[in-house]
PDB file of all heavy atoms in Angstrom:
ATOM      1  N   ASN A   1      -9.597  -4.490  16.800  1.00  0.00           N
ATOM      2  CA  ASN A   1      -8.152  -4.508  17.023  1.00  0.00           C
ATOM      3  C   ASN A   1      -7.456  -3.955  15.784  1.00  0.00           C
ATOM      4  O   ASN A   1      -8.011  -3.990  14.682  1.00  0.00           O
ATOM      5  CB  ASN A   1      -7.667  -5.927  17.319  1.00  0.00           C
ATOM      6  CG  ASN A   1      -8.232  -6.470  18.618  1.00  0.00           C
ATOM      7  OD1 ASN A   1      -8.487  -5.714  19.561  1.00  0.00           O
ATOM      8  ND2 ASN A   1      -8.450  -7.773  18.671  1.00  0.00           N
ATOM      9  N   LEU A   2      -6.238  -3.455  15.973  1.00  0.00           N
ATOM     10  CA  LEU A   2      -5.569  -2.702  14.922  1.00  0.00           C
ATOM     11  C   LEU A   2      -4.152  -3.196  14.672  1.00  0.00           C
ATOM     12  O   LEU A   2      -3.471  -3.679  15.583  1.00  0.00           O
ATOM     13  CB  LEU A   2      -5.497  -1.220  15.295  1.00  0.00           C
ATOM     14  CG  LEU A   2      -6.799  -0.502  15.647  1.00  0.00           C
ATOM     15  CD1 LEU A   2      -6.496   0.902  16.161  1.00  0.00           C
ATOM     16  CD2 LEU A   2      -7.729  -0.439  14.444  1.00  0.00           C
ATOM     17  N   VAL A   3      -3.717  -3.000  13.434  1.00  0.00           N
ATOM     18  CA  VAL A   3      -2.298  -3.081  13.072  1.00  0.00           C
ATOM     19  C   VAL A   3      -1.953  -1.750  12.410  1.00  0.00           C
ATOM     20  O   VAL A   3      -2.513  -1.412  11.357  1.00  0.00           O
ATOM     21  CB  VAL A   3      -1.996  -4.250  12.113  1.00  0.00           C
ATOM     22  CG1 VAL A   3      -0.505  -4.281  11.781  1.00  0.00           C
ATOM     23  CG2 VAL A   3      -2.468  -5.575  12.693  1.00  0.00           C
ATOM     24  N   LEU A   4      -1.086  -0.995  13.037  1.00  0.00           N
ATOM     25  CA  LEU A   4      -0.742   0.349  12.572  1.00  0.00           C
ATOM     26  C   LEU A   4       0.604   0.323  11.858  1.00  0.00           C
ATOM     27  O   LEU A   4       1.606  -0.139  12.421  1.00  0.00           O
ATOM     28  CB  LEU A   4      -0.688   1.323  13.746  1.00  0.00           C
ATOM     29  CG  LEU A   4      -1.940   1.382  14.631  1.00  0.00           C
ATOM     30  CD1 LEU A   4      -1.750   2.411  15.733  1.00  0.00           C
ATOM     31  CD2 LEU A   4      -3.185   1.681  13.802  1.00  0.00           C
ATOM     32  N   VAL A   5       0.624   0.858  10.637  1.00  0.00           N
ATOM     33  CA  VAL A   5       1.821   0.836   9.796  1.00  0.00           C
ATOM     34  C   VAL A   5       2.232   2.259   9.446  1.00  0.00           C
ATOM     35  O   VAL A   5       1.402   3.057   8.984  1.00  0.00           O
ATOM     36  CB  VAL A   5       1.575   0.037   8.496  1.00  0.00           C
ATOM     37  CG1 VAL A   5       2.830   0.023   7.625  1.00  0.00           C
ATOM     38  CG2 VAL A   5       1.111  -1.379   8.813  1.00  0.00           C
ATOM     39  N   ALA A   6       3.490   2.593   9.668  1.00  0.00           N
ATOM     40  CA  ALA A   6       4.049   3.884   9.254  1.00  0.00           C
ATOM     41  C   ALA A   6       5.551   3.837   9.463  1.00  0.00           C
ATOM     42  O   ALA A   6       6.097   2.863  10.006  1.00  0.00           O
ATOM     43  CB  ALA A   6       3.419   5.047  10.028  1.00  0.00           C
ATOM     44  N   ARG A   7       6.223   4.913   9.067  1.00  0.00           N
ATOM     45  CA  ARG A   7       7.676   4.979   9.224  1.00  0.00           C
ATOM     46  C   ARG A   7       8.099   5.375  10.631  1.00  0.00           C
ATOM     47  O   ARG A   7       9.126   4.931  11.124  1.00  0.00           O
ATOM     48  CB  ARG A   7       8.273   5.975   8.231  1.00  0.00           C
ATOM     49  CG  ARG A   7       8.145   5.563   6.774  1.00  0.00           C
ATOM     50  CD  ARG A   7       8.696   6.637   5.848  1.00  0.00           C
ATOM     51  NE  ARG A   7       7.945   7.893   5.995  1.00  0.00           N
ATOM     52  CZ  ARG A   7       8.286   9.036   5.402  1.00  0.00           C
ATOM     53  NH1 ARG A   7       9.362   9.086   4.645  1.00  0.00           N
ATOM     54  NH2 ARG A   7       7.546  10.120   5.567  1.00  0.00           N
ATOM     55  N   ASP A   8       7.315   6.230  11.278  1.00  0.00           N
ATOM     56  CA  ASP A   8       7.711   6.833  12.555  1.00  0.00           C
ATOM     57  C   ASP A   8       7.247   5.956  13.709  1.00  0.00           C
ATOM     58  O   ASP A   8       6.105   6.049  14.171  1.00  0.00           O
ATOM     59  CB  ASP A   8       7.102   8.235  12.670  1.00  0.00           C
ATOM     60  CG  ASP A   8       7.662   9.028  13.828  1.00  0.00           C
ATOM     61  OD1 ASP A   8       8.019   8.424  14.848  1.00  0.00           O
ATOM     62  OD2 ASP A   8       7.736  10.275  13.703  1.00  0.00           O
ATOM     63  N   LYS A   9       8.160   5.119  14.212  1.00  0.00           N
ATOM     64  CA  LYS A   9       7.767   4.151  15.239  1.00  0.00           C
ATOM     65  C   LYS A   9       7.407   4.827  16.552  1.00  0.00           C
ATOM     66  O   LYS A   9       6.495   4.380  17.264  1.00  0.00           O
ATOM     67  CB  LYS A   9       8.870   3.125  15.475  1.00  0.00           C
ATOM     68  CG  LYS A   9       8.424   1.976  16.389  1.00  0.00           C
ATOM     69  CD  LYS A   9       9.471   0.880  16.451  1.00  0.00           C
ATOM     70  CE  LYS A   9       8.949  -0.321  17.235  1.00  0.00           C
ATOM     71  NZ  LYS A   9       8.615   0.034  18.634  1.00  0.00           N
ATOM     72  N   SER A  10       8.087   5.902  16.913  1.00  0.00           N
ATOM     73  CA  SER A  10       7.785   6.547  18.185  1.00  0.00           C
ATOM     74  C   SER A  10       6.363   7.091  18.191  1.00  0.00           C
ATOM     75  O   SER A  10       5.638   6.972  19.195  1.00  0.00           O
ATOM     76  CB  SER A  10       8.793   7.658  18.478  1.00  0.00           C
ATOM     77  OG  SER A  10       8.725   8.667  17.491  1.00  0.00           O
ATOM     78  N   ARG A  11       5.939   7.665  17.087  1.00  0.00           N
ATOM     79  CA  ARG A  11       4.571   8.176  17.010  1.00  0.00           C
ATOM     80  C   ARG A  11       3.565   7.037  16.970  1.00  0.00           C
ATOM     81  O   ARG A  11       2.480   7.124  17.570  1.00  0.00           O
ATOM     82  CB  ARG A  11       4.403   9.079  15.795  1.00  0.00           C
ATOM     83  CG  ARG A  11       5.207  10.364  15.892  1.00  0.00           C
ATOM     84  CD  ARG A  11       5.075  11.246  14.675  1.00  0.00           C
ATOM     85  NE  ARG A  11       3.783  11.921  14.637  1.00  0.00           N
ATOM     86  CZ  ARG A  11       3.479  12.846  13.731  1.00  0.00           C
ATOM     87  NH1 ARG A  11       4.354  13.197  12.795  1.00  0.00           N
ATOM     88  NH2 ARG A  11       2.303  13.433  13.755  1.00  0.00           N
ATOM     89  N   LEU A  12       3.893   5.949  16.272  1.00  0.00           N
ATOM     90  CA  LEU A  12       3.017   4.786  16.270  1.00  0.00           C
ATOM     91  C   LEU A  12       2.863   4.221  17.677  1.00  0.00           C
ATOM     92  O   LEU A  12       1.746   3.875  18.095  1.00  0.00           O
ATOM     93  CB  LEU A  12       3.572   3.710  15.335  1.00  0.00           C
ATOM     94  CG  LEU A  12       3.437   3.918  13.836  1.00  0.00           C
ATOM     95  CD1 LEU A  12       4.107   2.763  13.097  1.00  0.00           C
ATOM     96  CD2 LEU A  12       1.984   4.037  13.412  1.00  0.00           C
ATOM     97  N   ASP A  13       3.973   4.100  18.389  1.00  0.00           N
ATOM     98  CA  ASP A  13       3.924   3.565  19.752  1.00  0.00           C
ATOM     99  C   ASP A  13       3.059   4.431  20.653  1.00  0.00           C
ATOM    100  O   ASP A  13       2.270   3.919  21.461  1.00  0.00           O
ATOM    101  CB  ASP A  13       5.336   3.448  20.329  1.00  0.00           C
ATOM    102  CG  ASP A  13       6.138   2.305  19.731  1.00  0.00           C
ATOM    103  OD1 ASP A  13       5.517   1.361  19.188  1.00  0.00           O
ATOM    104  OD2 ASP A  13       7.376   2.352  19.797  1.00  0.00           O
ATOM    105  N   ALA A  14       3.197   5.752  20.522  1.00  0.00           N
ATOM    106  CA  ALA A  14       2.413   6.662  21.359  1.00  0.00           C
ATOM    107  C   ALA A  14       0.922   6.535  21.041  1.00  0.00           C
ATOM    108  O   ALA A  14       0.069   6.488  21.948  1.00  0.00           O
ATOM    109  CB  ALA A  14       2.881   8.096  21.153  1.00  0.00           C
ATOM    110  N   LEU A  15       0.587   6.475  19.748  1.00  0.00           N
ATOM    111  CA  LEU A  15      -0.812   6.326  19.351  1.00  0.00           C
ATOM    112  C   LEU A  15      -1.363   4.988  19.819  1.00  0.00           C
ATOM    113  O   LEU A  15      -2.489   4.910  20.337  1.00  0.00           O
ATOM    114  CB  LEU A  15      -0.938   6.449  17.833  1.00  0.00           C
ATOM    115  CG  LEU A  15      -2.341   6.248  17.254  1.00  0.00           C
ATOM    116  CD1 LEU A  15      -3.327   7.265  17.823  1.00  0.00           C
ATOM    117  CD2 LEU A  15      -2.313   6.322  15.727  1.00  0.00           C
ATOM    118  N   ALA A  16      -0.566   3.926  19.653  1.00  0.00           N
ATOM    119  CA  ALA A  16      -1.015   2.598  20.062  1.00  0.00           C
ATOM    120  C   ALA A  16      -1.318   2.564  21.561  1.00  0.00           C
ATOM    121  O   ALA A  16      -2.346   2.013  21.992  1.00  0.00           O
ATOM    122  CB  ALA A  16       0.043   1.561  19.712  1.00  0.00           C
ATOM    123  N   ALA A  17      -0.438   3.150  22.361  1.00  0.00           N
ATOM    124  CA  ALA A  17      -0.656   3.171  23.813  1.00  0.00           C
ATOM    125  C   ALA A  17      -1.927   3.929  24.163  1.00  0.00           C
ATOM    126  O   ALA A  17      -2.716   3.499  25.029  1.00  0.00           O
ATOM    127  CB  ALA A  17       0.552   3.798  24.504  1.00  0.00           C
ATOM    128  N   GLN A  18      -2.147   5.034  23.501  1.00  0.00           N
ATOM    129  CA  GLN A  18      -3.342   5.839  23.741  1.00  0.00           C
ATOM    130  C   GLN A  18      -4.612   5.062  23.405  1.00  0.00           C
ATOM    131  O   GLN A  18      -5.599   5.086  24.167  1.00  0.00           O
ATOM    132  CB  GLN A  18      -3.268   7.110  22.904  1.00  0.00           C
ATOM    133  CG  GLN A  18      -4.508   7.978  22.935  1.00  0.00           C
ATOM    134  CD  GLN A  18      -4.426   9.099  21.902  1.00  0.00           C
ATOM    135  OE1 GLN A  18      -3.344   9.551  21.542  1.00  0.00           O
ATOM    136  NE2 GLN A  18      -5.586   9.532  21.420  1.00  0.00           N
ATOM    137  N   LEU A  19      -4.595   4.360  22.258  1.00  0.00           N
ATOM    138  CA  LEU A  19      -5.789   3.629  21.834  1.00  0.00           C
ATOM    139  C   LEU A  19      -6.047   2.407  22.711  1.00  0.00           C
ATOM    140  O   LEU A  19      -7.209   2.084  23.014  1.00  0.00           O
ATOM    141  CB  LEU A  19      -5.643   3.213  20.368  1.00  0.00           C
ATOM    142  CG  LEU A  19      -5.573   4.372  19.368  1.00  0.00           C
ATOM    143  CD1 LEU A  19      -5.328   3.841  17.962  1.00  0.00           C
ATOM    144  CD2 LEU A  19      -6.835   5.222  19.411  1.00  0.00           C
ATOM    145  N   ARG A  20      -4.983   1.739  23.139  1.00  0.00           N
ATOM    146  CA  ARG A  20      -5.170   0.607  24.055  1.00  0.00           C
ATOM    147  C   ARG A  20      -5.835   1.063  25.352  1.00  0.00           C
ATOM    148  O   ARG A  20      -6.736   0.412  25.879  1.00  0.00           O
ATOM    149  CB  ARG A  20      -3.823  -0.048  24.366  1.00  0.00           C
ATOM    150  CG  ARG A  20      -3.170  -0.760  23.202  1.00  0.00           C
ATOM    151  CD  ARG A  20      -1.886  -1.454  23.648  1.00  0.00           C
ATOM    152  NE  ARG A  20      -1.066  -1.848  22.513  1.00  0.00           N
ATOM    153  CZ  ARG A  20       0.113  -1.301  22.213  1.00  0.00           C
ATOM    154  NH1 ARG A  20       0.618  -0.341  22.974  1.00  0.00           N
ATOM    155  NH2 ARG A  20       0.792  -1.728  21.160  1.00  0.00           N
ATOM    156  N   GLU A  21      -5.353   2.181  25.875  1.00  0.00           N
ATOM    157  CA  GLU A  21      -5.869   2.690  27.132  1.00  0.00           C
ATOM    158  C   GLU A  21      -7.317   3.174  26.991  1.00  0.00           C
ATOM    159  O   GLU A  21      -8.173   2.882  27.833  1.00  0.00           O
ATOM    160  CB  GLU A  21      -4.993   3.850  27.626  1.00  0.00           C
ATOM    161  CG  GLU A  21      -5.503   4.545  28.885  1.00  0.00           C
ATOM    162  CD  GLU A  21      -5.498   3.656  30.104  1.00  0.00           C
ATOM    163  OE1 GLU A  21      -4.738   2.659  30.131  1.00  0.00           O
ATOM    164  OE2 GLU A  21      -6.265   3.945  31.039  1.00  0.00           O
ATOM    165  N   ALA A  22      -7.601   3.904  25.906  1.00  0.00           N
ATOM    166  CA  ALA A  22      -8.912   4.525  25.759  1.00  0.00           C
ATOM    167  C   ALA A  22     -10.002   3.527  25.354  1.00  0.00           C
ATOM    168  O   ALA A  22     -11.159   3.666  25.773  1.00  0.00           O
ATOM    169  CB  ALA A  22      -8.848   5.655  24.741  1.00  0.00           C
ATOM    170  N   HIS A  23      -9.639   2.526  24.546  1.00  0.00           N
ATOM    171  CA  HIS A  23     -10.676   1.692  23.943  1.00  0.00           C
ATOM    172  C   HIS A  23     -10.520   0.201  24.247  1.00  0.00           C
ATOM    173  O   HIS A  23     -11.340  -0.598  23.778  1.00  0.00           O
ATOM    174  CB  HIS A  23     -10.693   1.913  22.431  1.00  0.00           C
ATOM    175  CG  HIS A  23     -10.934   3.343  22.051  1.00  0.00           C
ATOM    176  ND1 HIS A  23     -12.135   3.977  22.268  1.00  0.00           N
ATOM    177  CD2 HIS A  23     -10.105   4.278  21.488  1.00  0.00           C
ATOM    178  CE1 HIS A  23     -12.060   5.236  21.846  1.00  0.00           C
ATOM    179  NE2 HIS A  23     -10.846   5.440  21.369  1.00  0.00           N
ATOM    180  N   LYS A  24      -9.488  -0.170  24.988  1.00  0.00           N
ATOM    181  CA  LYS A  24      -9.303  -1.564  25.429  1.00  0.00           C
ATOM    182  C   LYS A  24      -9.251  -2.532  24.247  1.00  0.00           C
ATOM    183  O   LYS A  24      -9.833  -3.619  24.275  1.00  0.00           O
ATOM    184  CB  LYS A  24     -10.422  -1.977  26.397  1.00  0.00           C
ATOM    185  CG  LYS A  24     -10.678  -0.985  27.520  1.00  0.00           C
ATOM    186  CD  LYS A  24      -9.421  -0.681  28.316  1.00  0.00           C
ATOM    187  CE  LYS A  24      -9.703   0.351  29.414  1.00  0.00           C
ATOM    188  NZ  LYS A  24      -8.463   0.812  30.086  1.00  0.00           N
ATOM    189  N   VAL A  25      -8.550  -2.134  23.202  1.00  0.00           N
ATOM    190  CA  VAL A  25      -8.349  -3.005  22.046  1.00  0.00           C
ATOM    191  C   VAL A  25      -6.871  -3.351  21.927  1.00  0.00           C
ATOM    192  O   VAL A  25      -6.012  -2.663  22.482  1.00  0.00           O
ATOM    193  CB  VAL A  25      -8.843  -2.331  20.744  1.00  0.00           C
ATOM    194  CG1 VAL A  25     -10.346  -2.106  20.789  1.00  0.00           C
ATOM    195  CG2 VAL A  25      -8.105  -1.020  20.482  1.00  0.00           C
ATOM    196  N   ALA A  26      -6.589  -4.423  21.195  1.00  0.00           N
ATOM    197  CA  ALA A  26      -5.203  -4.794  20.912  1.00  0.00           C
ATOM    198  C   ALA A  26      -4.697  -3.973  19.727  1.00  0.00           C
ATOM    199  O   ALA A  26      -5.395  -3.845  18.722  1.00  0.00           O
ATOM    200  CB  ALA A  26      -5.113  -6.282  20.610  1.00  0.00           C
ATOM    201  N   VAL A  27      -3.504  -3.427  19.864  1.00  0.00           N
ATOM    202  CA  VAL A  27      -2.927  -2.610  18.797  1.00  0.00           C
ATOM    203  C   VAL A  27      -1.490  -3.049  18.567  1.00  0.00           C
ATOM    204  O   VAL A  27      -0.649  -2.957  19.466  1.00  0.00           O
ATOM    205  CB  VAL A  27      -2.959  -1.109  19.136  1.00  0.00           C
ATOM    206  CG1 VAL A  27      -2.449  -0.299  17.945  1.00  0.00           C
ATOM    207  CG2 VAL A  27      -4.358  -0.652  19.542  1.00  0.00           C
ATOM    208  N   ASP A  28      -1.216  -3.547  17.377  1.00  0.00           N
ATOM    209  CA  ASP A  28       0.147  -3.908  16.986  1.00  0.00           C
ATOM    210  C   ASP A  28       0.740  -2.777  16.162  1.00  0.00           C
ATOM    211  O   ASP A  28       0.036  -2.124  15.386  1.00  0.00           O
ATOM    212  CB  ASP A  28       0.160  -5.192  16.154  1.00  0.00           C
ATOM    213  CG  ASP A  28      -0.218  -6.414  16.959  1.00  0.00           C
ATOM    214  OD1 ASP A  28      -0.223  -6.329  18.206  1.00  0.00           O
ATOM    215  OD2 ASP A  28      -0.535  -7.451  16.341  1.00  0.00           O
ATOM    216  N   VAL A  29       2.031  -2.576  16.304  1.00  0.00           N
ATOM    217  CA  VAL A  29       2.762  -1.563  15.558  1.00  0.00           C
ATOM    218  C   VAL A  29       3.705  -2.257  14.593  1.00  0.00           C
ATOM    219  O   VAL A  29       4.457  -3.164  14.981  1.00  0.00           O
ATOM    220  CB  VAL A  29       3.535  -0.642  16.518  1.00  0.00           C
ATOM    221  CG1 VAL A  29       4.581   0.176  15.770  1.00  0.00           C
ATOM    222  CG2 VAL A  29       2.574   0.279  17.259  1.00  0.00           C
ATOM    223  N   LEU A  30       3.662  -1.833  13.338  1.00  0.00           N
ATOM    224  CA  LEU A  30       4.528  -2.406  12.311  1.00  0.00           C
ATOM    225  C   LEU A  30       5.218  -1.256  11.592  1.00  0.00           C
ATOM    226  O   LEU A  30       4.619  -0.580  10.751  1.00  0.00           O
ATOM    227  CB  LEU A  30       3.706  -3.252  11.335  1.00  0.00           C
ATOM    228  CG  LEU A  30       4.426  -4.048  10.259  1.00  0.00           C
ATOM    229  CD1 LEU A  30       5.499  -4.946  10.877  1.00  0.00           C
ATOM    230  CD2 LEU A  30       3.440  -4.886   9.463  1.00  0.00           C
ATOM    231  N   GLN A  31       6.460  -1.002  11.966  1.00  0.00           N
ATOM    232  CA  GLN A  31       7.209   0.089  11.347  1.00  0.00           C
ATOM    233  C   GLN A  31       7.625  -0.315   9.933  1.00  0.00           C
ATOM    234  O   GLN A  31       8.212  -1.377   9.739  1.00  0.00           O
ATOM    235  CB  GLN A  31       8.447   0.429  12.173  1.00  0.00           C
ATOM    236  CG  GLN A  31       9.257   1.593  11.616  1.00  0.00           C
ATOM    237  CD  GLN A  31      10.538   1.835  12.422  1.00  0.00           C
ATOM    238  OE1 GLN A  31      11.036   0.935  13.094  1.00  0.00           O
ATOM    239  NE2 GLN A  31      11.057   3.048  12.346  1.00  0.00           N
ATOM    240  N   ALA A  32       7.320   0.534   8.956  1.00  0.00           N
ATOM    241  CA  ALA A  32       7.676   0.207   7.577  1.00  0.00           C
ATOM    242  C   ALA A  32       7.653   1.456   6.723  1.00  0.00           C
ATOM    243  O   ALA A  32       6.736   2.272   6.823  1.00  0.00           O
ATOM    244  CB  ALA A  32       6.728  -0.837   6.998  1.00  0.00           C
ATOM    245  N   ASP A  33       8.662   1.579   5.871  1.00  0.00           N
ATOM    246  CA  ASP A  33       8.663   2.557   4.790  1.00  0.00           C
ATOM    247  C   ASP A  33       8.226   1.799   3.541  1.00  0.00           C
ATOM    248  O   ASP A  33       8.973   0.965   3.020  1.00  0.00           O
ATOM    249  CB  ASP A  33      10.071   3.141   4.617  1.00  0.00           C
ATOM    250  CG  ASP A  33      10.160   4.162   3.489  1.00  0.00           C
ATOM    251  OD1 ASP A  33       9.248   4.200   2.638  1.00  0.00           O
ATOM    252  OD2 ASP A  33      11.158   4.910   3.441  1.00  0.00           O
ATOM    253  N   LEU A  34       7.027   2.064   3.070  1.00  0.00           N
ATOM    254  CA  LEU A  34       6.441   1.265   1.998  1.00  0.00           C
ATOM    255  C   LEU A  34       7.074   1.518   0.637  1.00  0.00           C
ATOM    256  O   LEU A  34       6.724   0.837  -0.330  1.00  0.00           O
ATOM    257  CB  LEU A  34       4.928   1.510   1.942  1.00  0.00           C
ATOM    258  CG  LEU A  34       4.170   1.108   3.209  1.00  0.00           C
ATOM    259  CD1 LEU A  34       2.683   1.441   3.064  1.00  0.00           C
ATOM    260  CD2 LEU A  34       4.357  -0.365   3.526  1.00  0.00           C
ATOM    261  N   THR A  35       7.988   2.467   0.552  1.00  0.00           N
ATOM    262  CA  THR A  35       8.737   2.648  -0.691  1.00  0.00           C
ATOM    263  C   THR A  35       9.962   1.736  -0.738  1.00  0.00           C
ATOM    264  O   THR A  35      10.630   1.666  -1.780  1.00  0.00           O
ATOM    265  CB  THR A  35       9.193   4.106  -0.872  1.00  0.00           C
ATOM    266  OG1 THR A  35      10.167   4.437   0.129  1.00  0.00           O
ATOM    267  CG2 THR A  35       8.015   5.064  -0.794  1.00  0.00           C
ATOM    268  N   GLN A  36      10.251   1.050   0.364  1.00  0.00           N
ATOM    269  CA  GLN A  36      11.402   0.149   0.442  1.00  0.00           C
ATOM    270  C   GLN A  36      10.933  -1.294   0.264  1.00  0.00           C
ATOM    271  O   GLN A  36      10.102  -1.774   1.042  1.00  0.00           O
ATOM    272  CB  GLN A  36      12.127   0.311   1.770  1.00  0.00           C
ATOM    273  CG  GLN A  36      12.652   1.714   2.013  1.00  0.00           C
ATOM    274  CD  GLN A  36      13.607   2.172   0.918  1.00  0.00           C
ATOM    275  OE1 GLN A  36      14.553   1.453   0.556  1.00  0.00           O
ATOM    276  NE2 GLN A  36      13.355   3.362   0.375  1.00  0.00           N
ATOM    277  N   PRO A  37      11.445  -1.997  -0.743  1.00  0.00           N
ATOM    278  CA  PRO A  37      10.908  -3.325  -1.074  1.00  0.00           C
ATOM    279  C   PRO A  37      10.872  -4.304   0.089  1.00  0.00           C
ATOM    280  O   PRO A  37       9.877  -5.025   0.262  1.00  0.00           O
ATOM    281  CB  PRO A  37      11.847  -3.815  -2.190  1.00  0.00           C
ATOM    282  CG  PRO A  37      12.323  -2.547  -2.840  1.00  0.00           C
ATOM    283  CD  PRO A  37      12.460  -1.551  -1.733  1.00  0.00           C
ATOM    284  N   ILE A  38      11.919  -4.357   0.903  1.00  0.00           N
ATOM    285  CA  ILE A  38      11.958  -5.327   1.991  1.00  0.00           C
ATOM    286  C   ILE A  38      10.886  -5.006   3.030  1.00  0.00           C
ATOM    287  O   ILE A  38      10.188  -5.896   3.542  1.00  0.00           O
ATOM    288  CB  ILE A  38      13.356  -5.370   2.637  1.00  0.00           C
ATOM    289  CG1 ILE A  38      14.378  -5.948   1.643  1.00  0.00           C
ATOM    290  CG2 ILE A  38      13.337  -6.200   3.911  1.00  0.00           C
ATOM    291  CD1 ILE A  38      15.808  -5.924   2.146  1.00  0.00           C
ATOM    292  N   GLU A  39      10.716  -3.734   3.334  1.00  0.00           N
ATOM    293  CA  GLU A  39       9.735  -3.336   4.340  1.00  0.00           C
ATOM    294  C   GLU A  39       8.311  -3.489   3.823  1.00  0.00           C
ATOM    295  O   GLU A  39       7.407  -3.885   4.570  1.00  0.00           O
ATOM    296  CB  GLU A  39      10.030  -1.908   4.801  1.00  0.00           C
ATOM    297  CG  GLU A  39      11.392  -1.796   5.478  1.00  0.00           C
ATOM    298  CD  GLU A  39      11.750  -0.395   5.914  1.00  0.00           C
ATOM    299  OE1 GLU A  39      10.861   0.323   6.419  1.00  0.00           O
ATOM    300  OE2 GLU A  39      12.925  -0.014   5.751  1.00  0.00           O
TER     301      GLU A  39
END
């Protein structure tokens, strides 16, 4: 199972959907800009 982190949520969502469908794993998306302290 995966937790995917990046700034671009739309691309993360698309990748997560693809991986769930292809490999039957749980995939969480966590949108974050790691240069921003709160994120």
